[in-house]
Amino acid sequence: MTSTDRWLIAGLGNPGKTYAHTRHNIGFMAIDNLSAHYKITLNRNMFKNLMGRGSIDNIATIIAQPMDYMNRSGPPVCQLARYFDIHNENILIIHDDMDLDSGRIKIKAGGGHGGHKGVRSIIDTLGTNEFTRIRIGIGRPSNKPDVTDFVLGKISKHEMDHYRKVLETVRCAVETILKRGPSTAMNEYNEKL
């Protein structure tokens, strides 16, 4: 198996119980969903990542949750990619996005960081923006001037029911990206709510 057959999927979040089940950790939740569905156990700590190795539809895959804070996601992701000789175009990053309505997903290949500090750290560390992202909309607070409180706020039970469905859509989008490429996935998922 060559390195071009292997994918690295990293979901962004902040480590620790304080940040569990917050909107900013939706990337971690997506990785937990992939882990459960594809039976890829997150059982290794490597380069400040909680990670596991397995396959998604017979495609060798590493899934990871960087265990450094969001704005320092780049070094853990980059070190893992380099260790396993994974090409930048086979790196998939899953993260929250306030500029998308809650529950909407958008797949993006390349491009800027859009103000997301975790994505900025990955671009800076890799030295390129040539990787794929799945942006999960968390919406923007209408009545709270402090967005930090919003993104680090706990997801309510009602919201979690909503996000469980979104995470299933994300899982299907991941399969499409791995099997048929980001462009096909963009056409299929970018307009769905």
Protein backbone atom coordinates (compact mmCIF):
# COMPACT_ATOMS: atom_id res chain seq x y z
CA MET A 1 0.00 0.00 0.00
CA THR A 2 1.43 3.37 -0.95
CA SER A 3 1.05 6.52 1.08
CA THR A 4 -1.27 7.98 -1.57
CA ASP A 5 -3.85 5.33 -0.62
CA ARG A 6 -3.93 6.45 3.02
CA TRP A 7 -5.94 9.33 4.51
CA LEU A 8 -5.60 11.35 7.67
CA ILE A 9 -8.86 12.74 9.07
CA ALA A 10 -8.47 15.16 11.97
CA GLY A 11 -11.36 16.73 13.85
CA LEU A 12 -10.53 19.96 15.64
CA GLY A 13 -11.44 20.84 19.20
CA ASN A 14 -9.99 21.63 22.61
CA PRO A 15 -8.87 18.88 24.99
CA GLY A 16 -10.29 18.34 28.46
CA LYS A 17 -13.66 17.99 30.16
CA THR A 18 -14.19 21.75 30.30
CA TYR A 19 -14.56 21.87 26.52
CA ALA A 20 -16.41 18.59 25.98
CA HIS A 21 -19.76 18.96 24.21
CA THR A 22 -19.14 22.58 23.24
CA ARG A 23 -19.84 23.96 19.77
CA HIS A 24 -16.12 24.50 19.18
CA ASN A 25 -15.56 20.75 19.66
CA ILE A 26 -17.90 19.57 16.91
CA GLY A 27 -14.80 18.32 15.03
CA PHE A 28 -13.99 16.00 17.95
CA MET A 29 -17.60 14.78 17.90
CA ALA A 30 -17.31 14.00 14.19
CA ILE A 31 -14.22 11.87 14.88
CA ASP A 32 -16.03 10.07 17.71
CA ASN A 33 -18.85 9.33 15.25
CA LEU A 34 -16.41 7.95 12.66
CA SER A 35 -14.67 5.92 15.36
CA ALA A 36 -17.93 4.30 16.49
CA HIS A 37 -19.32 3.66 13.01
CA TYR A 38 -16.16 2.22 11.42
CA LYS A 39 -14.87 0.59 14.62
CA ILE A 40 -11.61 2.54 14.53
CA THR A 41 -10.58 2.72 18.17
CA LEU A 42 -8.95 5.92 19.34
CA ASN A 43 -6.35 4.13 21.43
CA ARG A 44 -2.97 5.72 20.72
CA ASN A 45 -1.35 8.96 21.76
CA MET A 46 1.07 10.19 19.14
CA PHE A 47 2.51 13.68 18.58
CA LYS A 48 -0.16 15.17 20.88
CA ASN A 49 -2.96 13.38 19.00
CA LEU A 50 -5.46 10.85 20.25
CA MET A 51 -5.58 8.64 17.18
CA GLY A 52 -6.60 5.32 15.71
CA ARG A 53 -5.89 3.37 12.53
CA GLY A 54 -8.38 1.42 10.48
CA SER A 55 -10.27 1.66 7.23
CA ILE A 56 -13.28 3.42 5.81
CA ASP A 57 -14.81 1.45 2.95
CA ASN A 58 -11.50 -0.42 2.47
CA ILE A 59 -9.46 2.80 2.38
CA ALA A 60 -6.66 2.92 4.96
CA THR A 61 -7.47 5.76 7.32
CA ILE A 62 -6.02 7.41 10.38
CA ILE A 63 -8.47 9.40 12.48
CA ALA A 64 -7.23 11.88 15.04
CA GLN A 65 -8.16 14.48 17.62
CA PRO A 66 -5.25 16.89 18.18
CA MET A 67 -4.78 17.18 21.95
CA ASP A 68 -3.26 20.63 21.92
CA TYR A 69 -5.48 23.70 22.07
CA MET A 70 -7.36 24.70 18.93
CA ASN A 71 -4.98 27.48 17.92
CA ARG A 72 -2.07 25.00 18.10
CA SER A 73 -3.67 22.23 16.00
CA GLY A 74 -1.08 22.54 13.22
CA PRO A 75 1.98 20.82 14.74
CA PRO A 76 0.14 17.66 15.92
CA VAL A 77 -1.64 17.24 12.55
CA CYS A 78 1.51 17.95 10.54
CA GLN A 79 3.69 15.59 12.57
CA LEU A 80 1.18 12.77 12.18
CA ALA A 81 0.89 13.35 8.42
CA ARG A 82 4.67 13.39 7.99
CA TYR A 83 5.21 10.29 10.14
CA PHE A 84 2.72 8.26 8.09
CA ASP A 85 3.86 9.87 4.80
CA ILE A 86 0.41 11.21 4.02
CA HIS A 87 0.26 13.71 1.18
CA ASN A 88 -1.42 17.05 1.85
CA GLU A 89 -4.24 16.28 -0.59
CA ASN A 90 -5.10 13.24 1.58
CA ILE A 91 -5.53 15.31 4.73
CA LEU A 92 -9.13 16.02 5.73
CA ILE A 93 -9.85 18.49 8.53
CA ILE A 94 -13.29 18.70 10.19
CA HIS A 95 -14.11 21.84 12.17
CA ASP A 96 -16.82 24.20 13.37
CA ASP A 97 -17.75 27.33 11.42
CA MET A 98 -19.79 30.25 12.75
CA ASP A 99 -20.30 31.66 9.26
CA LEU A 100 -22.50 28.70 8.30
CA ASP A 101 -26.01 28.26 9.63
CA SER A 102 -26.30 25.66 12.35
CA GLY A 103 -26.32 22.20 10.82
CA ARG A 104 -25.18 23.16 7.35
CA ILE A 105 -21.96 21.58 6.13
CA LYS A 106 -19.61 22.85 3.48
CA ILE A 107 -16.73 20.98 1.92
CA LYS A 108 -13.77 23.05 0.79
CA ALA A 109 -10.49 22.13 -0.90
CA GLY A 110 -7.74 24.70 -0.44
CA GLY A 111 -8.51 28.33 0.28
CA GLY A 112 -7.96 30.52 3.32
CA HIS A 113 -8.61 29.89 6.99
CA GLY A 114 -11.66 32.17 7.22
CA GLY A 115 -10.58 33.38 10.66
CA HIS A 116 -10.57 29.88 12.17
CA LYS A 117 -7.48 29.68 14.38
CA GLY A 118 -7.17 25.91 14.17
CA VAL A 119 -7.21 25.94 10.37
CA ARG A 120 -4.79 28.88 10.35
CA SER A 121 -2.37 26.87 12.52
CA ILE A 122 -2.57 23.91 10.12
CA ILE A 123 -1.95 26.11 7.06
CA ASP A 124 0.99 27.80 8.80
CA THR A 125 2.54 24.51 9.92
CA LEU A 126 2.03 22.58 6.68
CA GLY A 127 3.13 25.60 4.66
CA THR A 128 0.20 25.09 2.31
CA ASN A 129 -3.59 25.28 2.17
CA GLU A 130 -3.83 22.27 -0.15
CA PHE A 131 -5.92 20.02 2.04
CA THR A 132 -9.66 19.36 2.29
CA ARG A 133 -11.99 20.59 5.02
CA ILE A 134 -15.50 19.82 6.14
CA ARG A 135 -16.90 22.92 7.81
CA ILE A 136 -19.79 22.25 10.18
CA GLY A 137 -22.07 25.23 10.74
CA ILE A 138 -22.74 26.24 14.32
CA GLY A 139 -24.33 29.59 13.42
CA ARG A 140 -23.62 32.95 14.96
CA PRO A 141 -25.23 34.21 18.15
CA SER A 142 -27.79 36.93 17.46
CA ASN A 143 -28.00 38.35 20.96
CA LYS A 144 -24.55 37.73 22.41
CA PRO A 145 -21.76 40.15 21.56
CA ASP A 146 -19.10 37.75 22.90
CA VAL A 147 -18.70 34.98 20.36
CA THR A 148 -16.20 33.18 22.62
CA ASP A 149 -18.95 32.42 25.12
CA PHE A 150 -21.07 31.07 22.27
CA VAL A 151 -18.48 28.77 20.66
CA LEU A 152 -17.29 27.51 24.05
CA GLY A 153 -20.86 27.11 25.29
CA LYS A 154 -22.24 23.63 25.93
CA ILE A 155 -24.56 22.17 23.30
CA SER A 156 -28.05 21.71 24.74
CA LYS A 157 -29.87 18.36 24.56
CA HIS A 158 -32.18 19.75 21.88
CA GLU A 159 -29.20 20.98 19.83
CA MET A 160 -27.41 17.65 20.30
CA ASP A 161 -30.35 15.78 18.74
CA HIS A 162 -29.96 18.13 15.76
CA TYR A 163 -26.16 17.69 15.57
CA ARG A 164 -26.38 13.89 15.70
CA LYS A 165 -28.15 14.02 12.32
CA VAL A 166 -25.56 16.49 11.03
CA LEU A 167 -22.73 14.19 12.12
CA GLU A 168 -24.30 11.33 10.16
CA THR A 169 -24.30 13.58 7.08
CA VAL A 170 -20.66 14.43 7.78
CA ARG A 171 -19.85 10.72 7.97
CA CYS A 172 -21.44 10.14 4.56
CA ALA A 173 -19.55 13.14 3.16
CA VAL A 174 -16.28 11.69 4.47
CA GLU A 175 -16.97 8.45 2.59
CA THR A 176 -17.70 10.37 -0.59
CA ILE A 177 -14.48 12.40 -0.29
CA LEU A 178 -12.38 9.29 0.24
CA LYS A 179 -14.02 7.23 -2.51
CA ARG A 180 -14.88 9.82 -5.17
CA GLY A 181 -12.92 12.94 -4.29
CA PRO A 182 -13.64 16.37 -2.81
CA SER A 183 -15.19 17.84 -5.99
CA THR A 184 -17.88 15.17 -6.13
CA ALA A 185 -18.53 15.59 -2.41
CA MET A 186 -18.85 19.38 -2.82
CA ASN A 187 -21.47 18.91 -5.52
CA GLU A 188 -23.43 16.47 -3.38
CA TYR A 189 -23.26 18.10 0.05
CA ASN A 190 -22.54 21.82 -0.12
CA GLU A 191 -26.14 22.86 -0.74
CA LYS A 192 -27.73 20.49 1.77
CA LEU A 193 -28.99 21.79 5.10
